[in-house]
Amino acid sequence: MKYPNAASALNLIGNNEFIWSHSMAATPYSMLDALAQVARDKQQLTLLSLHTEKSGALCAPELAGHLRQRVFFVGGPTRPAVNCGLADYVPCFLSEIPKLFRSKEQRVDTAIVQVSPPDKHGLCSLGVSVEATRAAMQNARRVIAQINPRMPRTHGDSFVHLQDFAAYVELESQIPLHLPAEQDPVTKQIGANVASLIRDGDCLQMGIGAIPDAALACLGDRQNLGVHTEMFSDGVLPLLEQGVINNRNKKKHPGKVVTTFAMGSQALYDFVDDNPEVVFLDVAYTNDTAVIRQNPQVVSINSALQVDLSGQICADSLGTKIYSGVGGQMDFVRGAGLSEGGRAIIALPSTAAGGTVSRISSLLSPGAGVVTTRAHAHYIVTEYGVANLRARSLNERAKALIDIAAPQFREQLARQAYEDWGLLV
């Protein structure tokens, strides 16, 4: 049923409900602004989501007792709220979130989504983000939709019929843009080091940001690359246009770019609009290790906040302060590790805080989350080189990691390797 405005549609929500919000660049932030107002007349609402864009209104302290956020991935709007106790963070592999909904371990009463206008068959599209939203819709008692003419119509698991909405509102709003990050000499060197590990025929998974873009910019001379990824961003567009990425070597979905969400520029959104070459699939499928490993030569490219000398990788927190989330890193690290000829790459600058802190440390900071275990770690890359940790002893790992740390920290790290681990490097 069509409603005149967001507030009237959202008033269908009752007290004590669990609400799922469409996430990433498909965040229905205009609807969430209205929810922040409607919730003041409700009690004990719980809003479930991944990273949401422009959702700061939901973090207002006066919503206590009315609405509380429960996030599976922390972003800019929710980070302060999580770290001061106003919102909750749930560590979870991204691939397993749909399973929580389908098994009823996590109740979903209402799903709020943002979709493209219906086609002649009455089918709308979830657009630039399918992730766990499809599973949430399938298991919710009601779905409330924002129909937005700016939302691209994408292919794959994205289609939903107009009749499946308990309520919908026609509301135009800008899809959030994430413009390519600025490149600096450190980023470019890390990108070049990552690119040195990429071979013809590889199937790539990469995230957003300057380092993946820098690596992709170095791959113009490769052939027959493919993409099976969690996230799709601007860095792949030139390689698609040049024919470097053609997906011919893939065993799963040959000829197709496989993803579950996209974030980037308007050019990216225009590219995926009604493009059958790009398929947006349920994250329980895209991030399933059993699916990923079926493609040969899978290369996962991910980042980290800190790596210790044994190869433990922290990617979700700064000590006890939550920064992001578990996400899909382990899904793809393991998938790449099991793929024939696969490689898992963790790339990060060697330092933080203006060069005063080494990201390669003897021990992780107290409370830091181990997102990828040392048994799964393969390649670690900084601007100073590449450390291959696979099948290496603790002593060999420590030496390799110290060799790619910032030079000013290497002597200190060698001393700490002995003091903390009893290693002579």
Protein backbone atom coordinates (compact mmCIF):
# COMPACT_ATOMS: atom_id res chain seq x y z
CA MET A 1 0.00 0.00 0.00
CA LYS A 2 1.26 3.44 -0.90
CA TYR A 3 1.63 5.93 1.97
CA PRO A 4 1.93 9.71 1.63
CA ASN A 5 5.14 10.04 3.66
CA ALA A 6 7.76 8.07 5.55
CA ALA A 7 6.38 8.74 9.03
CA SER A 8 2.92 7.41 8.17
CA ALA A 9 4.38 4.20 6.75
CA LEU A 10 6.75 3.70 9.70
CA ASN A 11 3.90 4.07 12.17
CA LEU A 12 3.00 0.48 11.25
CA ILE A 13 5.91 -0.53 13.49
CA GLY A 14 4.83 -1.55 16.99
CA ASN A 15 6.63 -1.58 20.33
CA ASN A 16 9.36 -4.14 21.07
CA GLU A 17 10.08 -4.83 17.40
CA PHE A 18 13.34 -5.84 15.76
CA ILE A 19 13.83 -3.75 12.61
CA TRP A 20 16.33 -4.39 9.83
CA SER A 21 17.66 -1.45 7.81
CA HIS A 22 18.95 -1.83 4.28
CA SER A 23 22.63 -0.89 4.56
CA MET A 24 25.75 0.41 2.82
CA ALA A 25 25.07 2.84 -0.06
CA ALA A 26 21.45 1.67 -0.15
CA THR A 27 20.79 2.97 3.37
CA PRO A 28 17.29 4.51 3.29
CA TYR A 29 18.55 7.45 5.33
CA SER A 30 15.50 9.60 4.62
CA MET A 31 13.37 6.83 6.11
CA LEU A 32 15.73 6.48 9.07
CA ASP A 33 15.48 10.21 9.79
CA ALA A 34 11.72 9.72 9.99
CA LEU A 35 12.19 6.61 12.14
CA ALA A 36 14.19 8.67 14.64
CA GLN A 37 11.10 10.85 15.08
CA VAL A 38 8.50 8.06 15.02
CA ALA A 39 10.49 6.04 17.57
CA ARG A 40 9.99 8.73 20.23
CA ASP A 41 6.42 7.47 20.53
CA LYS A 42 7.48 3.81 20.64
CA GLN A 43 9.13 1.62 23.25
CA GLN A 44 12.05 -0.81 23.03
CA LEU A 45 12.69 -0.82 19.30
CA THR A 46 15.91 -2.49 18.13
CA LEU A 47 17.39 -1.45 14.79
CA LEU A 48 19.62 -4.06 13.15
CA SER A 49 22.02 -3.07 10.38
CA LEU A 50 25.42 -3.23 8.79
CA HIS A 51 27.20 0.05 8.07
CA THR A 52 24.60 2.74 7.47
CA GLU A 53 25.09 6.05 5.68
CA LYS A 54 23.84 9.40 7.02
CA SER A 55 22.18 7.75 10.01
CA GLY A 56 23.46 10.01 12.78
CA ALA A 57 19.93 10.95 13.92
CA LEU A 58 19.50 7.43 15.29
CA CYS A 59 22.36 7.95 17.76
CA ALA A 60 20.60 10.71 19.70
CA PRO A 61 20.81 10.04 23.48
CA GLU A 62 17.15 10.98 23.90
CA LEU A 63 16.17 7.84 21.98
CA ALA A 64 17.26 5.73 24.97
CA GLY A 65 14.41 3.40 25.89
CA HIS A 66 12.76 4.06 22.54
CA LEU A 67 15.25 2.79 19.96
CA ARG A 68 18.65 1.13 20.29
CA GLN A 69 20.93 0.20 17.42
CA ARG A 70 22.42 -3.29 17.15
CA VAL A 71 25.03 -3.27 14.41
CA PHE A 72 26.97 -6.06 12.72
CA PHE A 73 29.49 -3.60 11.26
CA VAL A 74 30.47 -0.23 12.72
CA GLY A 75 30.82 2.88 10.58
CA GLY A 76 31.23 6.61 11.10
CA PRO A 77 27.67 7.30 12.31
CA THR A 78 27.58 4.43 14.81
CA ARG A 79 31.21 4.32 16.02
CA PRO A 80 30.83 6.93 18.80
CA ALA A 81 27.54 5.42 19.95
CA VAL A 82 28.98 1.88 20.15
CA ASN A 83 32.07 3.00 22.04
CA CYS A 84 30.13 4.99 24.64
CA GLY A 85 27.50 2.30 25.23
CA LEU A 86 24.60 3.87 23.34
CA ALA A 87 24.58 1.12 20.69
CA ASP A 88 25.59 -2.53 20.49
CA TYR A 89 28.14 -4.23 18.23
CA VAL A 90 27.70 -7.90 17.29
CA PRO A 91 30.88 -9.61 16.01
CA CYS A 92 29.78 -11.91 13.18
CA PHE A 93 31.06 -13.14 9.83
CA LEU A 94 29.13 -11.26 7.16
CA SER A 95 28.29 -14.57 5.44
CA GLU A 96 26.48 -15.80 8.56
CA ILE A 97 24.11 -12.87 9.11
CA PRO A 98 21.48 -14.14 6.63
CA LYS A 99 21.66 -17.53 8.36
CA LEU A 100 20.75 -15.85 11.66
CA PHE A 101 17.56 -14.55 10.05
CA ARG A 102 16.68 -17.78 8.25
CA SER A 103 17.25 -19.93 11.34
CA LYS A 104 15.22 -17.47 13.45
CA GLU A 105 18.17 -17.03 15.83
CA GLN A 106 17.72 -13.33 15.13
CA ARG A 107 14.11 -12.17 14.94
CA VAL A 108 13.18 -9.61 12.30
CA ASP A 109 9.74 -8.02 12.53
CA THR A 110 10.11 -5.20 10.00
CA ALA A 111 12.58 -4.63 7.17
CA ILE A 112 13.08 -1.10 5.85
CA VAL A 113 14.50 -1.08 2.33
CA GLN A 114 15.24 1.30 -0.51
CA VAL A 115 14.44 0.13 -4.03
CA SER A 116 14.24 1.20 -7.64
CA PRO A 117 10.83 1.96 -9.19
CA PRO A 118 8.90 -1.11 -10.37
CA ASP A 119 9.32 -2.27 -13.96
CA LYS A 120 6.40 -3.28 -16.19
CA HIS A 121 6.21 -6.58 -14.29
CA GLY A 122 5.95 -4.87 -10.90
CA LEU A 123 9.50 -5.83 -9.93
CA CYS A 124 11.61 -3.38 -7.96
CA SER A 125 15.33 -3.84 -7.34
CA LEU A 126 17.36 -3.61 -4.14
CA GLY A 127 19.85 -1.73 -6.26
CA VAL A 128 23.41 -1.26 -5.09
CA SER A 129 23.17 -3.44 -1.97
CA VAL A 130 21.75 -6.93 -1.49
CA GLU A 131 24.02 -8.16 1.36
CA ALA A 132 21.82 -9.54 4.20
CA THR A 133 18.77 -7.47 3.24
CA ARG A 134 17.22 -10.12 1.01
CA ALA A 135 17.27 -12.62 3.88
CA ALA A 136 15.85 -10.01 6.26
CA MET A 137 12.94 -9.32 3.89
CA GLN A 138 12.22 -13.02 3.47
CA ASN A 139 11.93 -13.49 7.21
CA ALA A 140 10.31 -10.23 8.31
CA ARG A 141 6.60 -9.93 9.09
CA ARG A 142 6.44 -6.75 7.03
CA VAL A 143 8.60 -4.84 4.55
CA ILE A 144 8.43 -1.04 4.29
CA ALA A 145 10.05 0.41 1.18
CA GLN A 146 11.32 3.72 -0.08
CA ILE A 147 10.90 3.72 -3.86
CA ASN A 148 13.63 5.99 -5.16
CA PRO A 149 13.99 6.84 -8.87
CA ARG A 150 17.72 7.37 -8.30
CA MET A 151 18.32 3.79 -7.21
CA PRO A 152 19.95 1.74 -9.99
CA ARG A 153 18.14 -1.35 -11.19
CA THR A 154 20.57 -4.21 -10.65
CA HIS A 155 20.48 -7.89 -11.56
CA GLY A 156 20.85 -11.05 -9.47
CA ASP A 157 19.12 -11.60 -6.13
CA SER A 158 17.93 -8.00 -6.02
CA PHE A 159 14.37 -8.25 -7.34
CA VAL A 160 11.32 -7.83 -5.10
CA HIS A 161 7.71 -7.42 -6.22
CA LEU A 162 5.73 -4.32 -5.34
CA GLN A 163 3.06 -6.57 -3.84
CA ASP A 164 5.56 -7.80 -1.22
CA PHE A 165 5.62 -4.41 0.50
CA ALA A 166 3.27 -3.85 3.41
CA ALA A 167 3.85 -0.14 2.79
CA TYR A 168 5.85 1.98 0.40
CA VAL A 169 6.68 5.64 -0.04
CA GLU A 170 7.79 7.32 -3.25
CA LEU A 171 10.70 9.47 -2.15
CA GLU A 172 13.67 10.71 -4.20
CA SER A 173 17.04 11.06 -2.48
CA GLN A 174 20.69 10.96 -3.54
CA ILE A 175 22.43 7.59 -3.33
CA PRO A 176 25.47 8.27 -1.08
CA LEU A 177 28.67 8.74 -3.04
CA HIS A 178 32.13 7.52 -2.06
CA LEU A 179 34.61 9.19 -4.37
CA PRO A 180 37.97 7.47 -4.99
CA ALA A 181 40.43 8.19 -2.18
CA GLU A 182 43.46 10.37 -2.75
CA GLN A 183 46.68 8.51 -3.57
CA ASP A 184 49.93 9.33 -1.79
CA PRO A 185 53.44 7.84 -2.24
CA VAL A 186 52.90 5.28 0.55
CA THR A 187 49.58 4.14 -0.87
CA LYS A 188 50.99 3.88 -4.39
CA GLN A 189 53.93 1.78 -3.20
CA ILE A 190 51.67 -0.57 -1.24
CA GLY A 191 49.48 -0.88 -4.32
CA ALA A 192 52.50 -1.75 -6.47
CA ASN A 193 53.63 -4.35 -3.94
CA VAL A 194 50.17 -5.92 -3.90
CA ALA A 195 50.03 -5.88 -7.70
CA SER A 196 53.31 -7.82 -7.85
CA LEU A 197 51.38 -10.80 -6.43
CA ILE A 198 48.62 -10.71 -9.08
CA ARG A 199 48.89 -13.12 -12.01
CA ASP A 200 47.01 -13.51 -15.28
CA GLY A 201 43.71 -15.32 -14.74
CA ASP A 202 43.32 -14.40 -11.06
CA CYS A 203 39.86 -13.91 -9.56
CA LEU A 204 39.89 -10.84 -7.33
CA GLN A 205 38.16 -9.80 -4.14
CA MET A 206 38.93 -6.33 -2.89
CA GLY A 207 37.49 -3.67 -0.64
CA ILE A 208 37.11 0.08 -0.94
CA GLY A 209 39.83 2.64 -0.43
CA ALA A 210 43.11 3.98 -1.68
CA ILE A 211 45.13 0.75 -1.38
CA PRO A 212 42.83 -1.50 -3.47
CA ASP A 213 42.50 1.29 -6.05
CA ALA A 214 46.29 1.72 -6.16
CA ALA A 215 46.75 -2.03 -6.71
CA LEU A 216 44.10 -2.14 -9.44
CA ALA A 217 45.75 0.82 -11.19
CA CYS A 218 48.88 -1.32 -11.64
CA LEU A 219 47.11 -4.22 -13.37
CA GLY A 220 46.64 -2.80 -16.87
CA ASP A 221 49.05 -5.35 -18.36
CA ARG A 222 47.34 -8.43 -16.88
CA GLN A 223 44.97 -10.68 -18.80
CA ASN A 224 41.74 -12.52 -18.09
CA LEU A 225 41.17 -11.30 -14.55
CA GLY A 226 37.87 -12.02 -12.83
CA VAL A 227 35.90 -10.54 -9.94
CA HIS A 228 34.04 -12.43 -7.22
CA THR A 229 33.86 -10.01 -4.35
CA GLU A 230 31.84 -8.79 -1.42
CA MET A 231 32.21 -5.19 -2.50
CA PHE A 232 32.42 -3.56 -5.91
CA SER A 233 33.96 -0.10 -6.32
CA ASP A 234 35.32 2.36 -8.88
CA GLY A 235 38.80 0.87 -9.13
CA VAL A 236 37.63 -1.99 -11.34
CA LEU A 237 35.91 0.21 -13.94
CA PRO A 238 39.02 1.02 -16.04
CA LEU A 239 40.03 -2.66 -16.08
CA LEU A 240 36.54 -3.67 -17.22
CA GLU A 241 36.62 -1.04 -19.96
CA GLN A 242 40.07 -2.22 -21.09
CA GLY A 243 39.03 -5.87 -21.15
CA VAL A 244 41.60 -6.80 -18.50
CA ILE A 245 38.72 -8.01 -16.33
CA ASN A 246 36.60 -10.34 -18.46
CA ASN A 247 35.78 -13.13 -15.95
CA ARG A 248 36.65 -15.84 -18.50
CA ASN A 249 38.76 -17.90 -16.10
CA LYS A 250 36.05 -18.26 -13.45
CA LYS A 251 34.30 -21.56 -12.78
CA LYS A 252 31.44 -19.91 -10.87
CA HIS A 253 29.47 -17.35 -12.91
CA PRO A 254 31.93 -17.08 -15.84
CA GLY A 255 31.56 -13.81 -17.68
CA LYS A 256 29.95 -12.10 -14.69
CA VAL A 257 31.18 -9.74 -12.01
CA VAL A 258 29.81 -11.19 -8.76
CA THR A 259 29.24 -8.90 -5.78
CA THR A 260 26.81 -8.26 -2.96
CA PHE A 261 27.05 -4.47 -2.68
CA ALA A 262 28.62 -1.49 -4.44
CA MET A 263 29.82 1.84 -3.10
CA GLY A 264 31.45 4.56 -5.14
CA SER A 265 30.89 7.38 -7.58
CA GLN A 266 27.87 8.16 -9.71
CA ALA A 267 29.83 6.67 -12.63
CA LEU A 268 29.89 3.35 -10.76
CA TYR A 269 26.16 3.47 -10.08
CA ASP A 270 25.52 4.31 -13.73
CA PHE A 271 27.67 1.34 -14.78
CA VAL A 272 25.76 -1.22 -12.69
CA ASP A 273 22.36 0.18 -13.64
CA ASP A 274 20.51 -2.50 -15.65
CA ASN A 275 23.86 -4.17 -16.45
CA PRO A 276 23.50 -7.96 -16.69
CA GLU A 277 27.30 -8.33 -16.59
CA VAL A 278 27.16 -7.48 -12.86
CA VAL A 279 25.14 -9.69 -10.50
CA PHE A 280 24.31 -8.70 -6.92
CA LEU A 281 23.84 -11.88 -4.88
CA ASP A 282 22.93 -12.80 -1.30
CA VAL A 283 25.99 -12.42 0.93
CA ALA A 284 25.41 -15.92 2.34
CA TYR A 285 26.33 -17.06 -1.19
CA THR A 286 28.98 -14.55 -2.31
CA ASN A 287 30.93 -14.99 0.93
CA ASP A 288 30.45 -18.75 1.27
CA THR A 289 33.89 -20.33 1.45
CA ALA A 290 32.57 -23.39 -0.40
CA VAL A 291 31.53 -21.12 -3.30
CA ILE A 292 34.61 -18.91 -3.31
CA ARG A 293 37.06 -21.82 -3.43
CA GLN A 294 35.48 -23.23 -6.61
CA ASN A 295 37.05 -20.43 -8.63
CA PRO A 296 40.75 -21.02 -9.36
CA GLN A 297 43.38 -18.45 -8.38
CA VAL A 298 41.22 -16.47 -5.98
CA VAL A 299 43.13 -13.49 -4.58
CA SER A 300 41.65 -11.66 -1.59
CA ILE A 301 42.93 -8.16 -0.88
CA ASN A 302 41.97 -6.81 2.53
CA SER A 303 43.28 -4.36 5.11
CA ALA A 304 44.10 -4.40 8.80
CA LEU A 305 44.64 -2.06 11.70
CA GLN A 306 47.43 -4.06 13.34
CA VAL A 307 49.43 -7.26 12.81
CA ASP A 308 51.51 -8.95 15.51
CA LEU A 309 54.78 -10.78 14.98
CA SER A 310 53.06 -14.17 14.94
CA GLY A 311 50.72 -13.09 12.12
CA GLN A 312 47.55 -12.41 14.10
CA ILE A 313 45.52 -9.79 12.24
CA CYS A 314 43.32 -7.22 13.95
CA ALA A 315 40.90 -5.49 11.60
CA ASP A 316 37.91 -4.45 13.70
CA SER A 317 39.19 -2.55 16.74
CA LEU A 318 41.79 -0.23 18.17
CA GLY A 319 42.41 -2.07 21.41
CA THR A 320 38.99 -2.30 23.06
CA LYS A 321 37.50 0.49 20.93
CA ILE A 322 35.49 -0.93 18.05
CA TYR A 323 36.41 0.66 14.73
CA SER A 324 34.66 -1.39 12.03
CA GLY A 325 33.67 -5.05 12.15
CA VAL A 326 34.52 -8.64 11.32
CA GLY A 327 32.86 -8.29 7.93
CA GLY A 328 33.86 -10.68 5.18
CA GLN A 329 37.64 -10.71 5.62
CA MET A 330 37.84 -14.24 7.00
CA ASP A 331 35.28 -15.51 4.50
CA PHE A 332 37.58 -14.54 1.65
CA VAL A 333 40.91 -15.21 3.35
CA ARG A 334 39.79 -18.80 3.89
CA GLY A 335 38.17 -19.05 0.46
CA ALA A 336 41.36 -17.83 -1.22
CA GLY A 337 43.46 -20.18 0.88
CA LEU A 338 41.40 -23.17 -0.28
CA SER A 339 41.21 -22.07 -3.93
CA GLU A 340 43.59 -23.78 -6.35
CA GLY A 341 46.47 -21.33 -6.75
CA GLY A 342 44.77 -18.84 -4.41
CA ARG A 343 46.44 -16.16 -2.32
CA ALA A 344 45.20 -14.08 0.63
CA ILE A 345 46.72 -10.61 0.96
CA ILE A 346 46.49 -8.23 3.91
CA ALA A 347 47.78 -4.78 2.95
CA LEU A 348 48.37 -1.88 5.34
CA PRO A 349 50.65 1.13 5.86
CA SER A 350 53.57 0.30 8.14
CA THR A 351 52.75 3.13 10.56
CA ALA A 352 49.87 5.11 12.04
CA ALA A 353 49.51 8.41 13.92
CA GLY A 354 51.83 10.33 11.62
CA GLY A 355 54.56 7.70 11.71
CA THR A 356 54.74 7.52 15.51
CA VAL A 357 53.15 4.06 15.86
CA SER A 358 54.11 0.83 14.11
CA ARG A 359 51.15 -1.13 12.77
CA ILE A 360 53.34 -4.21 12.93
CA SER A 361 53.73 -4.84 16.64
CA SER A 362 55.19 -7.54 18.82
CA LEU A 363 51.83 -8.06 20.54
CA LEU A 364 48.37 -6.85 19.62
CA SER A 365 47.02 -4.04 21.79
CA PRO A 366 45.07 -5.29 24.83
CA GLY A 367 41.50 -6.02 23.76
CA ALA A 368 42.27 -6.00 20.04
CA GLY A 369 40.07 -8.34 18.02
CA VAL A 370 41.74 -11.16 16.07
CA VAL A 371 39.68 -11.13 12.88
CA THR A 372 42.08 -13.37 10.92
CA THR A 373 44.09 -15.94 12.84
CA ARG A 374 47.79 -16.52 12.39
CA ALA A 375 47.00 -19.95 10.94
CA HIS A 376 45.10 -18.26 8.08
CA ALA A 377 47.57 -15.43 7.42
CA HIS A 378 49.36 -15.66 4.07
CA TYR A 379 50.80 -12.46 2.55
CA ILE A 380 51.24 -9.26 4.59
CA VAL A 381 52.11 -6.19 2.50
CA THR A 382 53.34 -2.73 3.50
CA GLU A 383 55.11 -0.01 1.54
CA TYR A 384 58.39 -1.72 2.50
CA GLY A 385 57.66 -5.06 0.88
CA VAL A 386 55.88 -8.41 1.10
CA ALA A 387 56.04 -10.98 3.90
CA ASN A 388 54.92 -14.51 3.02
CA LEU A 389 53.82 -16.20 6.26
CA ARG A 390 52.42 -19.42 4.86
CA ALA A 391 54.09 -22.53 6.35
CA ARG A 392 56.57 -20.32 8.22
CA SER A 393 57.63 -20.81 11.83
CA LEU A 394 57.08 -18.13 14.44
CA ASN A 395 60.72 -17.13 14.18
CA GLU A 396 60.56 -16.92 10.38
CA ARG A 397 57.33 -14.95 10.55
CA ALA A 398 58.74 -12.44 13.01
CA LYS A 399 61.81 -11.87 10.84
CA ALA A 400 59.74 -11.46 7.66
CA LEU A 401 57.36 -9.00 9.33
CA ILE A 402 60.16 -6.95 10.88
CA ASP A 403 61.72 -6.69 7.41
CA ILE A 404 58.59 -4.90 6.10
CA ALA A 405 58.05 -2.72 9.18
CA ALA A 406 59.05 0.94 9.12
CA PRO A 407 62.86 1.09 9.51
CA GLN A 408 62.71 3.22 12.67
CA PHE A 409 60.86 0.42 14.50
CA ARG A 410 62.80 -2.62 13.35
CA GLU A 411 65.41 -2.68 16.12
CA GLN A 412 62.74 -2.24 18.77
CA LEU A 413 60.61 -5.00 17.23
CA ALA A 414 63.58 -7.38 17.16
CA ARG A 415 64.19 -6.72 20.84
CA GLN A 416 60.51 -7.23 21.68
CA ALA A 417 60.44 -10.45 19.66
CA TYR A 418 62.96 -11.86 22.10
CA GLU A 419 61.40 -10.35 25.22
CA ASP A 420 57.78 -11.28 24.37
CA TRP A 421 58.19 -14.45 22.33
CA GLY A 422 61.69 -15.74 23.04
CA LEU A 423 62.53 -15.39 19.35
CA LEU A 424 65.96 -14.54 17.92
CA VAL A 425 65.44 -12.71 14.63
